[in-house]
Amino acid sequence: MAAPTMDRASSSAASPVQTLTISKALNMGLRAAMEANPKVLMMGEDIGKLGGVFRITDGLQKDFGEQRVLDTPLAESGIIGTAVGLAIRGYRPVCEIQFDGFIFPGFDQIVSQVAKLHYRTQGKIKLPMVIRVPFGGGIGAVEHHSESPESYFAHTAGLKVVSCSNPTDAYWMIQQAIDCDDPVLFFEPKRRYYEKAEVDTTVAPGPLFASRTLRTGTDATLVAYGPMVRTSLDAAAAAAEDGTSLEVIDLRTLSPLDLEPVFESVRRTGRLVVVSEAPSEASIASEIAARVQQECFYSLQAPVLRVTGFDTPYPPSKLEEEFLPDLDRVLHAVDRSLAW
């Protein structure tokens, strides 16, 4: 079920429009959710006194206490399992997974319990919990710290999966995810944490489970999510200097996918390039390509192309720039599409 669009403002905000980083917007969004509902609590490794390794929860334990912002043992399965019990009892736990690759010790809890409990009980039990996952590369870290595991969870029925790409979405989407009565995996682009933009903290820009067109264009469509949205916007700006008009769509929601804006765009442009850090094999990018081919076959003027990470484990940090999709790889795919 889709979370309602909210219009409450954070009482901690001094001004309705502020220039925020994604990390600060997330912090303010979490604070606003905790102020609005005493049943919201946080759980994770070093999220209390330290404020998390990325300082997303900085100051929350000081202001809300150790009963609502809990420092947990290094045990992801225990964090998720405890949150399941709390959610059943009416709380709205928000679990932080310290790094993307650390989610796998909790994988069994997520796919066997979190995803299935509502269905297993024929709707009698709701599981309103959020699992925050900093994901993706670009920070000079090694494997288990730079991965993109979102396709595993988008494939799992019973889970909602979303990803923010900018401060406005970070502020509002985290609150909307907490308000949702279904379990939500909330993927945060860690290498974009410190990018800034103006955020209006008075009115949510739209519902949680909806894609959004960020730039209109006529020659081809770029679809991305999370950290690759900025890369796609930069590619569109560079292409415009050469007279090529690219439309850019931020998916925002990975499960359920909201592809109607993509279908509408492709019917106009005739070309689609999907951009993602995750490997291409059996991925969200693959699903989008299949669905667009199915729905827009007679509008396509070229095959759907994918610009993704490679089908290998994440490389050592000195090689990650060769692994991650960049502006040149995106523009090369656009050129291939236009030349078809």
C-alpha atoms as a PDB file:
ATOM      1  CA  MET A   1       0.000   0.000   0.000  1.00  0.00           C
ATOM      2  CA  ALA A   2       1.300   3.456  -0.851  1.00  0.00           C
ATOM      3  CA  ALA A   3       2.185   5.788   1.973  1.00  0.00           C
ATOM      4  CA  PRO A   4       0.153   8.992   2.060  1.00  0.00           C
ATOM      5  CA  THR A   5       1.684  12.212   0.857  1.00  0.00           C
ATOM      6  CA  MET A   6       2.576  14.229   3.950  1.00  0.00           C
ATOM      7  CA  ASP A   7       2.476  17.965   4.424  1.00  0.00           C
ATOM      8  CA  ARG A   8       3.848  18.314   7.947  1.00  0.00           C
ATOM      9  CA  ALA A   9       6.929  20.412   8.526  1.00  0.00           C
ATOM     10  CA  SER A  10       9.862  19.517  10.711  1.00  0.00           C
ATOM     11  CA  SER A  11       9.600  21.462  13.929  1.00  0.00           C
ATOM     12  CA  SER A  12      13.383  21.525  14.015  1.00  0.00           C
ATOM     13  CA  ALA A  13      13.550  23.490  10.769  1.00  0.00           C
ATOM     14  CA  ALA A  14      14.240  27.180  11.261  1.00  0.00           C
ATOM     15  CA  SER A  15      13.127  28.082   7.734  1.00  0.00           C
ATOM     16  CA  PRO A  16      10.800  26.251   5.313  1.00  0.00           C
ATOM     17  CA  VAL A  17      13.441  26.412   2.530  1.00  0.00           C
ATOM     18  CA  GLN A  18      16.976  25.412   3.470  1.00  0.00           C
ATOM     19  CA  THR A  19      20.128  24.402   1.632  1.00  0.00           C
ATOM     20  CA  LEU A  20      20.862  20.874   2.822  1.00  0.00           C
ATOM     21  CA  THR A  21      23.093  17.959   2.000  1.00  0.00           C
ATOM     22  CA  ILE A  22      21.482  14.549   1.547  1.00  0.00           C
ATOM     23  CA  SER A  23      22.975  13.461   4.878  1.00  0.00           C
ATOM     24  CA  LYS A  24      21.564  16.451   6.744  1.00  0.00           C
ATOM     25  CA  ALA A  25      18.198  16.073   4.991  1.00  0.00           C
ATOM     26  CA  LEU A  26      18.010  12.446   6.116  1.00  0.00           C
ATOM     27  CA  ASN A  27      18.913  13.470   9.664  1.00  0.00           C
ATOM     28  CA  MET A  28      16.193  16.113   9.687  1.00  0.00           C
ATOM     29  CA  GLY A  29      13.670  13.725   8.160  1.00  0.00           C
ATOM     30  CA  LEU A  30      14.372  11.112  10.826  1.00  0.00           C
ATOM     31  CA  ARG A  31      14.100  13.763  13.516  1.00  0.00           C
ATOM     32  CA  ALA A  32      10.760  14.978  12.132  1.00  0.00           C
ATOM     33  CA  ALA A  33       9.407  11.407  12.092  1.00  0.00           C
ATOM     34  CA  MET A  34      10.491  10.836  15.705  1.00  0.00           C
ATOM     35  CA  GLU A  35       8.951  14.109  16.829  1.00  0.00           C
ATOM     36  CA  ALA A  36       5.672  13.291  15.078  1.00  0.00           C
ATOM     37  CA  ASN A  37       5.307   9.715  16.395  1.00  0.00           C
ATOM     38  CA  PRO A  38       6.670   8.403  19.714  1.00  0.00           C
ATOM     39  CA  LYS A  39       6.482   4.855  18.311  1.00  0.00           C
ATOM     40  CA  VAL A  40       9.310   5.588  15.856  1.00  0.00           C
ATOM     41  CA  LEU A  41      12.685   4.354  17.073  1.00  0.00           C
ATOM     42  CA  MET A  42      16.134   3.781  15.574  1.00  0.00           C
ATOM     43  CA  MET A  43      18.375   0.723  15.785  1.00  0.00           C
ATOM     44  CA  GLY A  44      21.849   0.089  14.442  1.00  0.00           C
ATOM     45  CA  GLU A  45      25.587  -0.245  14.976  1.00  0.00           C
ATOM     46  CA  ASP A  46      27.165   2.930  16.396  1.00  0.00           C
ATOM     47  CA  ILE A  47      24.147   5.067  15.487  1.00  0.00           C
ATOM     48  CA  GLY A  48      23.755   6.538  18.995  1.00  0.00           C
ATOM     49  CA  LYS A  49      26.723   8.299  20.553  1.00  0.00           C
ATOM     50  CA  LEU A  50      28.719   8.192  17.313  1.00  0.00           C
ATOM     51  CA  GLY A  51      25.782   9.152  15.089  1.00  0.00           C
ATOM     52  CA  GLY A  52      26.545   6.382  12.594  1.00  0.00           C
ATOM     53  CA  VAL A  53      29.626   6.034  10.402  1.00  0.00           C
ATOM     54  CA  PHE A  54      28.153   8.644   8.033  1.00  0.00           C
ATOM     55  CA  ARG A  55      26.689  10.731  10.923  1.00  0.00           C
ATOM     56  CA  ILE A  56      23.152  10.394   9.564  1.00  0.00           C
ATOM     57  CA  THR A  57      21.743   9.890  13.082  1.00  0.00           C
ATOM     58  CA  ASP A  58      23.967  12.520  14.692  1.00  0.00           C
ATOM     59  CA  GLY A  59      22.361  14.074  17.771  1.00  0.00           C
ATOM     60  CA  LEU A  60      19.262  11.877  17.785  1.00  0.00           C
ATOM     61  CA  GLN A  61      20.213   9.748  20.785  1.00  0.00           C
ATOM     62  CA  LYS A  62      21.132  12.866  22.761  1.00  0.00           C
ATOM     63  CA  ASP A  63      17.720  14.402  22.075  1.00  0.00           C
ATOM     64  CA  PHE A  64      15.474  11.315  22.154  1.00  0.00           C
ATOM     65  CA  GLY A  65      17.315   9.044  24.578  1.00  0.00           C
ATOM     66  CA  GLU A  66      18.798   5.568  24.513  1.00  0.00           C
ATOM     67  CA  GLN A  67      15.351   3.929  24.577  1.00  0.00           C
ATOM     68  CA  ARG A  68      14.522   5.330  21.137  1.00  0.00           C
ATOM     69  CA  VAL A  69      17.959   5.409  19.491  1.00  0.00           C
ATOM     70  CA  LEU A  70      19.586   2.078  20.262  1.00  0.00           C
ATOM     71  CA  ASP A  71      23.222   1.131  19.740  1.00  0.00           C
ATOM     72  CA  THR A  72      23.116  -2.563  18.844  1.00  0.00           C
ATOM     73  CA  PRO A  73      25.684  -5.373  18.756  1.00  0.00           C
ATOM     74  CA  LEU A  74      27.396  -6.127  15.440  1.00  0.00           C
ATOM     75  CA  ALA A  75      24.654  -8.557  14.451  1.00  0.00           C
ATOM     76  CA  GLU A  76      22.467  -7.633  11.480  1.00  0.00           C
ATOM     77  CA  SER A  77      20.270 -10.707  11.875  1.00  0.00           C
ATOM     78  CA  GLY A  78      19.613  -9.706  15.472  1.00  0.00           C
ATOM     79  CA  ILE A  79      18.859  -6.100  14.492  1.00  0.00           C
ATOM     80  CA  ILE A  80      16.286  -7.134  11.875  1.00  0.00           C
ATOM     81  CA  GLY A  81      14.780  -9.888  14.031  1.00  0.00           C
ATOM     82  CA  THR A  82      14.341  -7.537  16.985  1.00  0.00           C
ATOM     83  CA  ALA A  83      12.748  -4.933  14.708  1.00  0.00           C
ATOM     84  CA  VAL A  84      10.227  -7.524  13.486  1.00  0.00           C
ATOM     85  CA  GLY A  85       9.076  -8.101  17.063  1.00  0.00           C
ATOM     86  CA  LEU A  86       8.854  -4.374  17.737  1.00  0.00           C
ATOM     87  CA  ALA A  87       6.860  -3.754  14.554  1.00  0.00           C
ATOM     88  CA  ILE A  88       4.397  -6.505  15.477  1.00  0.00           C
ATOM     89  CA  ARG A  89       3.873  -4.742  18.822  1.00  0.00           C
ATOM     90  CA  GLY A  90       3.007  -1.441  17.152  1.00  0.00           C
ATOM     91  CA  TYR A  91       6.349   0.334  16.951  1.00  0.00           C
ATOM     92  CA  ARG A  92       7.868   1.711  13.748  1.00  0.00           C
ATOM     93  CA  PRO A  93      11.534   0.690  13.920  1.00  0.00           C
ATOM     94  CA  VAL A  94      14.128   2.155  11.556  1.00  0.00           C
ATOM     95  CA  CYS A  95      17.148  -0.133  11.199  1.00  0.00           C
ATOM     96  CA  GLU A  96      20.472   1.115   9.864  1.00  0.00           C
ATOM     97  CA  ILE A  97      22.709  -1.316   8.001  1.00  0.00           C
ATOM     98  CA  GLN A  98      26.134   0.260   8.352  1.00  0.00           C
ATOM     99  CA  PHE A  99      27.305  -0.631   4.818  1.00  0.00           C
ATOM    100  CA  ASP A 100      25.498  -2.298   1.922  1.00  0.00           C
ATOM    101  CA  GLY A 101      27.536  -5.511   2.026  1.00  0.00           C
ATOM    102  CA  PHE A 102      26.726  -5.987   5.721  1.00  0.00           C
ATOM    103  CA  ILE A 103      23.064  -6.640   4.949  1.00  0.00           C
ATOM    104  CA  PHE A 104      23.609 -10.290   4.073  1.00  0.00           C
ATOM    105  CA  PRO A 105      23.835 -11.629   7.651  1.00  0.00           C
ATOM    106  CA  GLY A 106      20.289 -10.268   7.965  1.00  0.00           C
ATOM    107  CA  PHE A 107      19.164 -11.553   4.565  1.00  0.00           C
ATOM    108  CA  ASP A 108      17.311 -14.579   5.964  1.00  0.00           C
ATOM    109  CA  GLN A 109      15.327 -12.424   8.383  1.00  0.00           C
ATOM    110  CA  ILE A 110      14.425  -9.984   5.592  1.00  0.00           C
ATOM    111  CA  VAL A 111      13.299 -12.465   2.935  1.00  0.00           C
ATOM    112  CA  SER A 112      11.911 -15.175   5.227  1.00  0.00           C
ATOM    113  CA  GLN A 113      10.196 -13.079   7.895  1.00  0.00           C
ATOM    114  CA  VAL A 114       9.963  -9.386   7.030  1.00  0.00           C
ATOM    115  CA  ALA A 115       8.741  -9.972   3.480  1.00  0.00           C
ATOM    116  CA  LYS A 116       6.244 -12.700   4.310  1.00  0.00           C
ATOM    117  CA  LEU A 117       4.645 -11.993   7.673  1.00  0.00           C
ATOM    118  CA  HIS A 118       1.806  -9.798   6.370  1.00  0.00           C
ATOM    119  CA  TYR A 119       0.905 -12.384   3.707  1.00  0.00           C
ATOM    120  CA  ARG A 120       1.404 -15.331   6.069  1.00  0.00           C
ATOM    121  CA  THR A 121      -1.117 -13.875   8.538  1.00  0.00           C
ATOM    122  CA  GLN A 122      -3.658 -13.033   5.797  1.00  0.00           C
ATOM    123  CA  GLY A 123      -3.211  -9.341   6.515  1.00  0.00           C
ATOM    124  CA  LYS A 124      -3.793  -9.572  10.264  1.00  0.00           C
ATOM    125  CA  ILE A 125      -0.251  -8.404  11.079  1.00  0.00           C
ATOM    126  CA  LYS A 126       1.351  -5.336   9.543  1.00  0.00           C
ATOM    127  CA  LEU A 127       5.087  -4.780   9.592  1.00  0.00           C
ATOM    128  CA  PRO A 128       5.798  -1.029   9.459  1.00  0.00           C
ATOM    129  CA  MET A 129       9.586  -1.010   9.505  1.00  0.00           C
ATOM    130  CA  VAL A 130      12.316   0.679   7.464  1.00  0.00           C
ATOM    131  CA  ILE A 131      15.749  -0.746   6.727  1.00  0.00           C
ATOM    132  CA  ARG A 132      18.190   2.001   5.746  1.00  0.00           C
ATOM    133  CA  VAL A 133      21.035   0.867   3.479  1.00  0.00           C
ATOM    134  CA  PRO A 134      23.886   3.182   2.382  1.00  0.00           C
ATOM    135  CA  PHE A 135      24.779   1.655  -0.985  1.00  0.00           C
ATOM    136  CA  GLY A 136      27.003   1.996  -4.034  1.00  0.00           C
ATOM    137  CA  GLY A 137      30.631   2.800  -4.681  1.00  0.00           C
ATOM    138  CA  GLY A 138      32.689   5.893  -5.240  1.00  0.00           C
ATOM    139  CA  ILE A 139      34.072   6.365  -1.725  1.00  0.00           C
ATOM    140  CA  GLY A 140      37.373   4.506  -2.149  1.00  0.00           C
ATOM    141  CA  ALA A 141      36.272   1.523  -0.070  1.00  0.00           C
ATOM    142  CA  VAL A 142      36.606  -2.208  -0.650  1.00  0.00           C
ATOM    143  CA  GLU A 143      34.041  -4.962  -1.193  1.00  0.00           C
ATOM    144  CA  HIS A 144      31.235  -5.203   1.386  1.00  0.00           C
ATOM    145  CA  HIS A 145      31.387  -1.388   1.582  1.00  0.00           C
ATOM    146  CA  SER A 146      30.603  -0.398  -2.015  1.00  0.00           C
ATOM    147  CA  GLU A 147      28.034  -2.821  -3.365  1.00  0.00           C
ATOM    148  CA  SER A 148      24.593  -2.470  -4.964  1.00  0.00           C
ATOM    149  CA  PRO A 149      22.399  -5.329  -3.681  1.00  0.00           C
ATOM    150  CA  GLU A 150      19.026  -3.705  -4.407  1.00  0.00           C
ATOM    151  CA  SER A 151      17.946  -6.228  -7.078  1.00  0.00           C
ATOM    152  CA  TYR A 152      17.856  -9.031  -4.503  1.00  0.00           C
ATOM    153  CA  PHE A 153      15.178  -7.212  -2.542  1.00  0.00           C
ATOM    154  CA  ALA A 154      13.225  -5.805  -5.477  1.00  0.00           C
ATOM    155  CA  HIS A 155      12.878  -9.440  -6.572  1.00  0.00           C
ATOM    156  CA  THR A 156      11.389 -10.429  -3.195  1.00  0.00           C
ATOM    157  CA  ALA A 157       7.600 -10.197  -3.011  1.00  0.00           C
ATOM    158  CA  GLY A 158       6.360  -8.437   0.114  1.00  0.00           C
ATOM    159  CA  LEU A 159       9.074  -5.789   0.269  1.00  0.00           C
ATOM    160  CA  LYS A 160       8.960  -2.189  -0.871  1.00  0.00           C
ATOM    161  CA  VAL A 161      12.274  -0.839  -2.181  1.00  0.00           C
ATOM    162  CA  VAL A 162      13.055   2.845  -2.767  1.00  0.00           C
ATOM    163  CA  SER A 163      16.135   4.995  -3.351  1.00  0.00           C
ATOM    164  CA  CYS A 164      16.575   8.746  -2.957  1.00  0.00           C
ATOM    165  CA  SER A 165      18.943  10.746  -5.146  1.00  0.00           C
ATOM    166  CA  ASN A 166      18.752  14.324  -3.831  1.00  0.00           C
ATOM    167  CA  PRO A 167      18.220  16.209  -0.550  1.00  0.00           C
ATOM    168  CA  THR A 168      14.514  16.950  -1.116  1.00  0.00           C
ATOM    169  CA  ASP A 169      13.708  13.284  -1.682  1.00  0.00           C
ATOM    170  CA  ALA A 170      15.955  12.275   1.205  1.00  0.00           C
ATOM    171  CA  TYR A 171      14.034  14.522   3.605  1.00  0.00           C
ATOM    172  CA  TRP A 172      10.550  13.541   2.492  1.00  0.00           C
ATOM    173  CA  MET A 173      10.973   9.922   1.358  1.00  0.00           C
ATOM    174  CA  ILE A 174      12.417   8.756   4.679  1.00  0.00           C
ATOM    175  CA  GLN A 175       9.376  10.169   6.485  1.00  0.00           C
ATOM    176  CA  GLN A 176       6.993   8.641   3.965  1.00  0.00           C
ATOM    177  CA  ALA A 177       8.751   5.274   4.266  1.00  0.00           C
ATOM    178  CA  ILE A 178       8.371   5.390   8.063  1.00  0.00           C
ATOM    179  CA  ASP A 179       4.675   6.231   7.666  1.00  0.00           C
ATOM    180  CA  CYS A 180       4.172   3.248   5.333  1.00  0.00           C
ATOM    181  CA  ASP A 181       2.540   0.168   6.901  1.00  0.00           C
ATOM    182  CA  ASP A 182       4.653  -2.154   4.734  1.00  0.00           C
ATOM    183  CA  PRO A 183       8.363  -2.953   5.220  1.00  0.00           C
ATOM    184  CA  VAL A 184      10.540  -0.611   3.169  1.00  0.00           C
ATOM    185  CA  LEU A 185      14.184  -0.990   2.196  1.00  0.00           C
ATOM    186  CA  PHE A 186      15.548   2.526   1.859  1.00  0.00           C
ATOM    187  CA  PHE A 187      18.701   2.679  -0.270  1.00  0.00           C
ATOM    188  CA  GLU A 188      20.823   5.807   0.223  1.00  0.00           C
ATOM    189  CA  PRO A 189      23.545   6.792  -2.308  1.00  0.00           C
ATOM    190  CA  LYS A 190      26.451   7.158   0.097  1.00  0.00           C
ATOM    191  CA  ARG A 191      28.806   8.932  -2.314  1.00  0.00           C
ATOM    192  CA  ARG A 192      26.130  11.619  -2.788  1.00  0.00           C
ATOM    193  CA  TYR A 193      25.614  12.237   0.939  1.00  0.00           C
ATOM    194  CA  TYR A 194      27.326  15.640   0.843  1.00  0.00           C
ATOM    195  CA  GLU A 195      25.769  17.071  -2.322  1.00  0.00           C
ATOM    196  CA  LYS A 196      23.624  20.126  -1.598  1.00  0.00           C
ATOM    197  CA  ALA A 197      20.297  21.514  -2.810  1.00  0.00           C
ATOM    198  CA  GLU A 198      17.472  23.664  -1.537  1.00  0.00           C
ATOM    199  CA  VAL A 199      14.780  21.738   0.343  1.00  0.00           C
ATOM    200  CA  ASP A 200      11.251  22.953   1.103  1.00  0.00           C
ATOM    201  CA  THR A 201      10.366  21.321   4.419  1.00  0.00           C
ATOM    202  CA  THR A 202       6.698  22.352   4.317  1.00  0.00           C
ATOM    203  CA  VAL A 203       5.174  20.343   1.460  1.00  0.00           C
ATOM    204  CA  ALA A 204       6.124  16.895   0.157  1.00  0.00           C
ATOM    205  CA  PRO A 205       6.815  16.962  -3.606  1.00  0.00           C
ATOM    206  CA  GLY A 206       4.793  13.810  -4.320  1.00  0.00           C
ATOM    207  CA  PRO A 207       3.979  10.248  -3.241  1.00  0.00           C
ATOM    208  CA  LEU A 208       6.662   7.764  -2.238  1.00  0.00           C
ATOM    209  CA  PHE A 209       6.135   5.080  -4.868  1.00  0.00           C
ATOM    210  CA  ALA A 210       6.369   7.234  -7.989  1.00  0.00           C
ATOM    211  CA  SER A 211       9.035   8.018 -10.593  1.00  0.00           C
ATOM    212  CA  ARG A 212       9.801  11.607 -11.500  1.00  0.00           C
ATOM    213  CA  THR A 213      10.984  13.295 -14.702  1.00  0.00           C
ATOM    214  CA  LEU A 214      13.850  15.622 -13.786  1.00  0.00           C
ATOM    215  CA  ARG A 215      14.729  16.908 -17.263  1.00  0.00           C
ATOM    216  CA  THR A 216      12.670  16.844 -20.443  1.00  0.00           C
ATOM    217  CA  GLY A 217      14.140  15.910 -23.813  1.00  0.00           C
ATOM    218  CA  THR A 218      13.270  14.691 -27.290  1.00  0.00           C
ATOM    219  CA  ASP A 219      16.092  12.522 -28.645  1.00  0.00           C
ATOM    220  CA  ALA A 220      16.501   9.747 -26.048  1.00  0.00           C
ATOM    221  CA  THR A 221      15.483   8.831 -22.501  1.00  0.00           C
ATOM    222  CA  LEU A 222      17.861   8.157 -19.618  1.00  0.00           C
ATOM    223  CA  VAL A 223      16.473   6.239 -16.634  1.00  0.00           C
ATOM    224  CA  ALA A 224      18.444   5.987 -13.396  1.00  0.00           C
ATOM    225  CA  TYR A 225      18.117   5.846  -9.618  1.00  0.00           C
ATOM    226  CA  GLY A 226      20.206   6.614  -6.563  1.00  0.00           C
ATOM    227  CA  PRO A 227      23.807   7.670  -7.287  1.00  0.00           C
ATOM    228  CA  MET A 228      23.428   7.400 -11.073  1.00  0.00           C
ATOM    229  CA  VAL A 229      20.793  10.145 -11.290  1.00  0.00           C
ATOM    230  CA  ARG A 230      23.440  12.855 -10.928  1.00  0.00           C
ATOM    231  CA  THR A 231      25.619  11.104 -13.524  1.00  0.00           C
ATOM    232  CA  SER A 232      22.664  10.988 -15.936  1.00  0.00           C
ATOM    233  CA  LEU A 233      21.836  14.666 -15.416  1.00  0.00           C
ATOM    234  CA  ASP A 234      25.473  15.577 -16.046  1.00  0.00           C
ATOM    235  CA  ALA A 235      25.418  13.468 -19.226  1.00  0.00           C
ATOM    236  CA  ALA A 236      22.264  15.230 -20.404  1.00  0.00           C
ATOM    237  CA  ALA A 237      23.856  18.624 -19.798  1.00  0.00           C
ATOM    238  CA  ALA A 238      26.969  17.586 -21.736  1.00  0.00           C
ATOM    239  CA  ALA A 239      24.880  16.167 -24.599  1.00  0.00           C
ATOM    240  CA  ALA A 240      22.916  19.416 -24.844  1.00  0.00           C
ATOM    241  CA  GLU A 241      26.130  21.257 -25.690  1.00  0.00           C
ATOM    242  CA  ASP A 242      26.348  19.060 -28.793  1.00  0.00           C
ATOM    243  CA  GLY A 243      22.692  19.580 -29.701  1.00  0.00           C
ATOM    244  CA  THR A 244      21.341  16.297 -28.301  1.00  0.00           C
ATOM    245  CA  SER A 245      18.228  16.528 -26.109  1.00  0.00           C
ATOM    246  CA  LEU A 246      18.024  13.854 -23.394  1.00  0.00           C
ATOM    247  CA  GLU A 247      15.131  13.250 -21.028  1.00  0.00           C
ATOM    248  CA  VAL A 248      16.144  12.098 -17.516  1.00  0.00           C
ATOM    249  CA  ILE A 249      13.831  10.101 -15.243  1.00  0.00           C
ATOM    250  CA  ASP A 250      14.603   9.298 -11.606  1.00  0.00           C
ATOM    251  CA  LEU A 251      12.937   5.966 -10.772  1.00  0.00           C
ATOM    252  CA  ARG A 252      12.904   6.619  -6.986  1.00  0.00           C
ATOM    253  CA  THR A 253      10.869   3.422  -6.412  1.00  0.00           C
ATOM    254  CA  LEU A 254      12.375   0.054  -7.394  1.00  0.00           C
ATOM    255  CA  SER A 255       9.585  -2.131  -6.018  1.00  0.00           C
ATOM    256  CA  PRO A 256       6.935  -1.421  -7.045  1.00  0.00           C
ATOM    257  CA  LEU A 257       8.368  -0.012 -10.264  1.00  0.00           C
ATOM    258  CA  ASP A 258       6.507   3.020 -11.573  1.00  0.00           C
ATOM    259  CA  LEU A 259       7.226   2.747 -15.299  1.00  0.00           C
ATOM    260  CA  GLU A 260       4.333   4.704 -16.794  1.00  0.00           C
ATOM    261  CA  PRO A 261       6.463   7.882 -16.996  1.00  0.00           C
ATOM    262  CA  VAL A 262       9.174   5.803 -18.696  1.00  0.00           C
ATOM    263  CA  PHE A 263       6.726   4.310 -21.203  1.00  0.00           C
ATOM    264  CA  GLU A 264       5.327   7.750 -22.002  1.00  0.00           C
ATOM    265  CA  SER A 265       8.825   9.162 -22.492  1.00  0.00           C
ATOM    266  CA  VAL A 266      10.037   6.313 -24.700  1.00  0.00           C
ATOM    267  CA  ARG A 267       6.954   6.599 -26.909  1.00  0.00           C
ATOM    268  CA  ARG A 268       8.088  10.163 -27.621  1.00  0.00           C
ATOM    269  CA  THR A 269      11.870   9.734 -27.849  1.00  0.00           C
ATOM    270  CA  GLY A 270      12.023   6.225 -29.324  1.00  0.00           C
ATOM    271  CA  ARG A 271      15.220   5.418 -27.427  1.00  0.00           C
ATOM    272  CA  LEU A 272      16.093   4.323 -23.886  1.00  0.00           C
ATOM    273  CA  VAL A 273      19.327   3.977 -21.921  1.00  0.00           C
ATOM    274  CA  VAL A 274      19.077   2.542 -18.378  1.00  0.00           C
ATOM    275  CA  VAL A 275      21.888   3.526 -16.004  1.00  0.00           C
ATOM    276  CA  SER A 276      22.725   1.643 -12.788  1.00  0.00           C
ATOM    277  CA  GLU A 277      25.793   0.814 -10.680  1.00  0.00           C
ATOM    278  CA  ALA A 278      24.583  -2.751 -10.111  1.00  0.00           C
ATOM    279  CA  PRO A 279      25.774  -5.551 -12.432  1.00  0.00           C
ATOM    280  CA  SER A 280      23.449  -5.990 -15.420  1.00  0.00           C
ATOM    281  CA  GLU A 281      22.765  -9.724 -15.101  1.00  0.00           C
ATOM    282  CA  ALA A 282      19.211 -10.375 -13.778  1.00  0.00           C
ATOM    283  CA  SER A 283      18.964  -6.802 -12.547  1.00  0.00           C
ATOM    284  CA  ILE A 284      16.461  -3.965 -12.199  1.00  0.00           C
ATOM    285  CA  ALA A 285      17.939  -2.583 -15.425  1.00  0.00           C
ATOM    286  CA  SER A 286      17.113  -5.891 -17.122  1.00  0.00           C
ATOM    287  CA  GLU A 287      13.513  -5.739 -15.884  1.00  0.00           C
ATOM    288  CA  ILE A 288      13.078  -2.193 -17.162  1.00  0.00           C
ATOM    289  CA  ALA A 289      14.476  -3.166 -20.559  1.00  0.00           C
ATOM    290  CA  ALA A 290      12.090  -6.134 -20.793  1.00  0.00           C
ATOM    291  CA  ARG A 291       9.043  -4.126 -19.724  1.00  0.00           C
ATOM    292  CA  VAL A 292       9.779  -1.250 -22.113  1.00  0.00           C
ATOM    293  CA  GLN A 293      10.276  -3.670 -24.998  1.00  0.00           C
ATOM    294  CA  GLN A 294       6.943  -5.291 -24.134  1.00  0.00           C
ATOM    295  CA  GLU A 295       4.979  -2.031 -23.790  1.00  0.00           C
ATOM    296  CA  CYS A 296       6.711   0.226 -26.331  1.00  0.00           C
ATOM    297  CA  PHE A 297       7.888  -2.188 -29.030  1.00  0.00           C
ATOM    298  CA  TYR A 298       6.488  -0.228 -31.985  1.00  0.00           C
ATOM    299  CA  SER A 299       7.813   3.082 -30.640  1.00  0.00           C
ATOM    300  CA  LEU A 300      11.415   1.947 -30.241  1.00  0.00           C
ATOM    301  CA  GLN A 301      13.860   3.142 -32.888  1.00  0.00           C
ATOM    302  CA  ALA A 302      16.811   1.317 -31.285  1.00  0.00           C
ATOM    303  CA  PRO A 303      17.333  -1.508 -28.795  1.00  0.00           C
ATOM    304  CA  VAL A 304      17.121  -0.610 -25.109  1.00  0.00           C
ATOM    305  CA  LEU A 305      20.700  -0.207 -23.867  1.00  0.00           C
ATOM    306  CA  ARG A 306      22.062  -0.624 -20.338  1.00  0.00           C
ATOM    307  CA  VAL A 307      25.038   1.135 -18.753  1.00  0.00           C
ATOM    308  CA  THR A 308      25.844  -0.718 -15.536  1.00  0.00           C
ATOM    309  CA  GLY A 309      28.532  -2.085 -13.293  1.00  0.00           C
ATOM    310  CA  PHE A 310      30.260  -5.212 -14.548  1.00  0.00           C
ATOM    311  CA  ASP A 311      29.285  -8.777 -13.657  1.00  0.00           C
ATOM    312  CA  THR A 312      32.203  -9.185 -11.257  1.00  0.00           C
ATOM    313  CA  PRO A 313      32.669  -8.725  -7.521  1.00  0.00           C
ATOM    314  CA  TYR A 314      33.352  -5.105  -6.584  1.00  0.00           C
ATOM    315  CA  PRO A 315      37.007  -4.338  -7.394  1.00  0.00           C
ATOM    316  CA  PRO A 316      39.769  -2.845  -5.236  1.00  0.00           C
ATOM    317  CA  SER A 317      39.300   0.877  -4.696  1.00  0.00           C
ATOM    318  CA  LYS A 318      42.076   1.837  -7.132  1.00  0.00           C
ATOM    319  CA  LEU A 319      40.016   0.236  -9.925  1.00  0.00           C
ATOM    320  CA  GLU A 320      36.536   1.392  -8.969  1.00  0.00           C
ATOM    321  CA  GLU A 321      36.509   4.284 -11.432  1.00  0.00           C
ATOM    322  CA  GLU A 322      36.893   1.690 -14.183  1.00  0.00           C
ATOM    323  CA  PHE A 323      33.983  -0.301 -12.749  1.00  0.00           C
ATOM    324  CA  LEU A 324      31.448   2.454 -12.120  1.00  0.00           C
ATOM    325  CA  PRO A 325      29.380   3.927 -14.969  1.00  0.00           C
ATOM    326  CA  ASP A 326      30.500   7.468 -15.704  1.00  0.00           C
ATOM    327  CA  LEU A 327      29.508  10.319 -17.985  1.00  0.00           C
ATOM    328  CA  ASP A 328      31.576   9.005 -20.909  1.00  0.00           C
ATOM    329  CA  ARG A 329      30.023   5.530 -20.772  1.00  0.00           C
ATOM    330  CA  VAL A 330      26.524   7.025 -20.657  1.00  0.00           C
ATOM    331  CA  LEU A 331      27.215   9.348 -23.595  1.00  0.00           C
ATOM    332  CA  HIS A 332      28.753   6.481 -25.565  1.00  0.00           C
ATOM    333  CA  ALA A 333      25.552   4.467 -25.076  1.00  0.00           C
ATOM    334  CA  VAL A 334      23.490   7.469 -26.215  1.00  0.00           C
ATOM    335  CA  ASP A 335      25.638   7.759 -29.350  1.00  0.00           C
ATOM    336  CA  ARG A 336      25.165   4.045 -30.071  1.00  0.00           C
ATOM    337  CA  SER A 337      21.418   4.397 -29.674  1.00  0.00           C
ATOM    338  CA  LEU A 338      21.190   7.445 -31.920  1.00  0.00           C
ATOM    339  CA  ALA A 339      23.363   5.762 -34.575  1.00  0.00           C
ATOM    340  CA  TRP A 340      21.152   2.669 -34.775  1.00  0.00           C
END
